[in-house]
Amino acid sequence: MGTDPNTPNTLVLNLNELLRTLWKPAYKRYKYVHSLPTGPYKSVQMVVTNLEELCERGE
């Protein structure tokens, strides 16, 4: 049985993999997502953060 590529878990896993690919050591100095420089890493991180908050609230 394979994993359905359209499930939320797969989306989160793929986004986390993308974050690992986009990571730069310079991002380590930023404490908050909104402080990150504009770019792909910040955008993906904001999506992941929003998905995590939705899951915590059960939405």
N, C-alpha and C. Protein backbone atom coordinates (compact mmCIF):
# COMPACT_ATOMS: atom_id res chain seq x y z
N MET A 1 0.82 -1.19 0.00
CA MET A 1 0.00 0.00 0.00
C MET A 1 0.86 1.24 0.00
N GLY A 2 0.67 2.12 -0.97
CA GLY A 2 1.41 3.37 -1.02
C GLY A 2 0.67 4.48 -0.32
N THR A 3 1.37 5.56 -0.07
CA THR A 3 0.75 6.72 0.56
C THR A 3 0.10 7.58 -0.51
N ASP A 4 -1.12 7.99 -0.27
CA ASP A 4 -1.84 8.86 -1.20
C ASP A 4 -1.15 10.22 -1.23
N PRO A 5 -0.67 10.67 -2.40
CA PRO A 5 0.05 11.95 -2.47
C PRO A 5 -0.83 13.16 -2.15
N ASN A 6 -2.13 12.95 -2.02
CA ASN A 6 -3.03 14.07 -1.75
C ASN A 6 -3.42 14.19 -0.28
N THR A 7 -2.87 13.35 0.59
CA THR A 7 -3.22 13.43 2.00
C THR A 7 -2.45 14.56 2.68
N PRO A 8 -3.04 15.16 3.71
CA PRO A 8 -2.36 16.25 4.42
C PRO A 8 -1.00 15.84 4.98
N ASN A 9 -0.88 14.58 5.47
CA ASN A 9 0.40 14.14 6.00
C ASN A 9 1.49 14.17 4.95
N THR A 10 1.15 13.75 3.73
CA THR A 10 2.12 13.77 2.64
C THR A 10 2.51 15.20 2.30
N LEU A 11 1.55 16.09 2.33
CA LEU A 11 1.83 17.50 2.05
C LEU A 11 2.82 18.05 3.07
N VAL A 12 2.58 17.79 4.34
CA VAL A 12 3.47 18.28 5.39
C VAL A 12 4.86 17.68 5.24
N LEU A 13 4.93 16.38 4.96
CA LEU A 13 6.23 15.73 4.76
C LEU A 13 6.99 16.34 3.58
N ASN A 14 6.29 16.57 2.49
CA ASN A 14 6.92 17.17 1.31
C ASN A 14 7.37 18.61 1.58
N LEU A 15 6.56 19.36 2.32
CA LEU A 15 6.94 20.73 2.65
C LEU A 15 8.16 20.74 3.58
N ASN A 16 8.21 19.81 4.52
CA ASN A 16 9.37 19.73 5.41
C ASN A 16 10.63 19.36 4.63
N GLU A 17 10.50 18.49 3.65
CA GLU A 17 11.64 18.14 2.81
C GLU A 17 12.10 19.36 2.01
N LEU A 18 11.15 20.13 1.51
CA LEU A 18 11.48 21.35 0.79
C LEU A 18 12.19 22.35 1.70
N LEU A 19 11.75 22.46 2.95
CA LEU A 19 12.42 23.34 3.91
C LEU A 19 13.87 22.91 4.11
N ARG A 20 14.11 21.61 4.21
CA ARG A 20 15.48 21.13 4.37
C ARG A 20 16.34 21.50 3.16
N THR A 21 15.73 21.44 1.98
CA THR A 21 16.45 21.78 0.75
C THR A 21 16.77 23.28 0.68
N LEU A 22 15.84 24.11 1.14
CA LEU A 22 15.99 25.57 1.04
C LEU A 22 16.78 26.18 2.19
N TRP A 23 17.03 25.43 3.26
CA TRP A 23 17.69 25.95 4.47
C TRP A 23 19.06 26.54 4.16
N LYS A 24 19.33 27.69 4.77
CA LYS A 24 20.65 28.32 4.72
C LYS A 24 21.07 28.61 6.15
N PRO A 25 22.35 28.42 6.47
CA PRO A 25 22.81 28.67 7.84
C PRO A 25 22.50 30.09 8.34
N ALA A 26 22.38 31.05 7.45
CA ALA A 26 22.07 32.43 7.85
C ALA A 26 20.71 32.54 8.52
N TYR A 27 19.80 31.58 8.26
CA TYR A 27 18.46 31.63 8.85
C TYR A 27 18.47 31.30 10.34
N LYS A 28 19.56 30.71 10.81
CA LYS A 28 19.64 30.29 12.20
C LYS A 28 19.51 31.47 13.18
N ARG A 29 19.89 32.65 12.73
CA ARG A 29 19.86 33.81 13.64
C ARG A 29 18.47 34.42 13.81
N TYR A 30 17.50 33.96 13.03
CA TYR A 30 16.15 34.51 13.13
C TYR A 30 15.31 33.70 14.11
N LYS A 31 14.72 34.39 15.07
CA LYS A 31 13.92 33.72 16.09
C LYS A 31 12.49 33.47 15.62
N TYR A 32 11.95 34.39 14.82
CA TYR A 32 10.56 34.32 14.38
C TYR A 32 10.47 34.23 12.86
N VAL A 33 9.48 33.51 12.38
CA VAL A 33 9.28 33.34 10.93
C VAL A 33 9.11 34.68 10.25
N HIS A 34 8.34 35.58 10.85
CA HIS A 34 8.08 36.87 10.20
C HIS A 34 9.36 37.70 10.04
N SER A 35 10.41 37.36 10.79
CA SER A 35 11.67 38.09 10.70
C SER A 35 12.57 37.60 9.57
N LEU A 36 12.28 36.43 9.03
CA LEU A 36 13.09 35.87 7.95
C LEU A 36 13.04 36.78 6.72
N PRO A 37 14.11 36.78 5.92
CA PRO A 37 14.07 37.55 4.67
C PRO A 37 13.04 36.94 3.72
N THR A 38 12.42 37.77 2.92
CA THR A 38 11.44 37.32 1.95
C THR A 38 12.09 36.34 0.97
N GLY A 39 11.40 35.25 0.72
CA GLY A 39 11.92 34.26 -0.22
C GLY A 39 11.20 32.94 -0.07
N PRO A 40 11.63 31.93 -0.82
CA PRO A 40 10.96 30.63 -0.80
C PRO A 40 10.96 29.98 0.58
N TYR A 41 12.06 30.06 1.32
CA TYR A 41 12.12 29.42 2.63
C TYR A 41 11.07 30.01 3.56
N LYS A 42 10.98 31.32 3.60
CA LYS A 42 10.01 31.98 4.48
C LYS A 42 8.59 31.60 4.07
N SER A 43 8.31 31.57 2.79
CA SER A 43 6.96 31.24 2.30
C SER A 43 6.56 29.83 2.71
N VAL A 44 7.44 28.87 2.50
CA VAL A 44 7.13 27.49 2.86
C VAL A 44 7.00 27.35 4.37
N GLN A 45 7.87 28.03 5.11
CA GLN A 45 7.82 27.97 6.58
C GLN A 45 6.49 28.52 7.09
N MET A 46 5.99 29.58 6.47
CA MET A 46 4.71 30.16 6.87
C MET A 46 3.56 29.19 6.61
N VAL A 47 3.60 28.49 5.49
CA VAL A 47 2.56 27.50 5.17
C VAL A 47 2.59 26.36 6.19
N VAL A 48 3.79 25.85 6.49
CA VAL A 48 3.92 24.75 7.45
C VAL A 48 3.41 25.19 8.82
N THR A 49 3.78 26.38 9.24
CA THR A 49 3.34 26.90 10.53
C THR A 49 1.82 27.00 10.59
N ASN A 50 1.20 27.51 9.53
CA ASN A 50 -0.26 27.61 9.49
C ASN A 50 -0.92 26.24 9.52
N LEU A 51 -0.36 25.27 8.80
CA LEU A 51 -0.92 23.92 8.81
C LEU A 51 -0.81 23.30 10.20
N GLU A 52 0.32 23.51 10.86
CA GLU A 52 0.50 22.98 12.22
C GLU A 52 -0.52 23.58 13.18
N GLU A 53 -0.76 24.89 13.06
CA GLU A 53 -1.74 25.56 13.93
C GLU A 53 -3.15 25.03 13.68
N LEU A 54 -3.50 24.81 12.42
CA LEU A 54 -4.81 24.26 12.07
C LEU A 54 -4.99 22.85 12.65
N CYS A 55 -3.94 22.04 12.55
CA CYS A 55 -4.02 20.68 13.08
C CYS A 55 -4.15 20.68 14.60
N GLU A 56 -3.46 21.59 15.26
CA GLU A 56 -3.54 21.68 16.73
C GLU A 56 -4.95 22.06 17.18
N ARG A 57 -5.61 22.89 16.38
CA ARG A 57 -6.98 23.31 16.72
C ARG A 57 -8.01 22.31 16.24
N GLY A 58 -7.58 21.33 15.46
CA GLY A 58 -8.50 20.29 14.99
C GLY A 58 -9.33 20.72 13.79
N GLU A 59 -8.85 21.67 13.03
CA GLU A 59 -9.60 22.13 11.85
C GLU A 59 -9.19 21.37 10.62
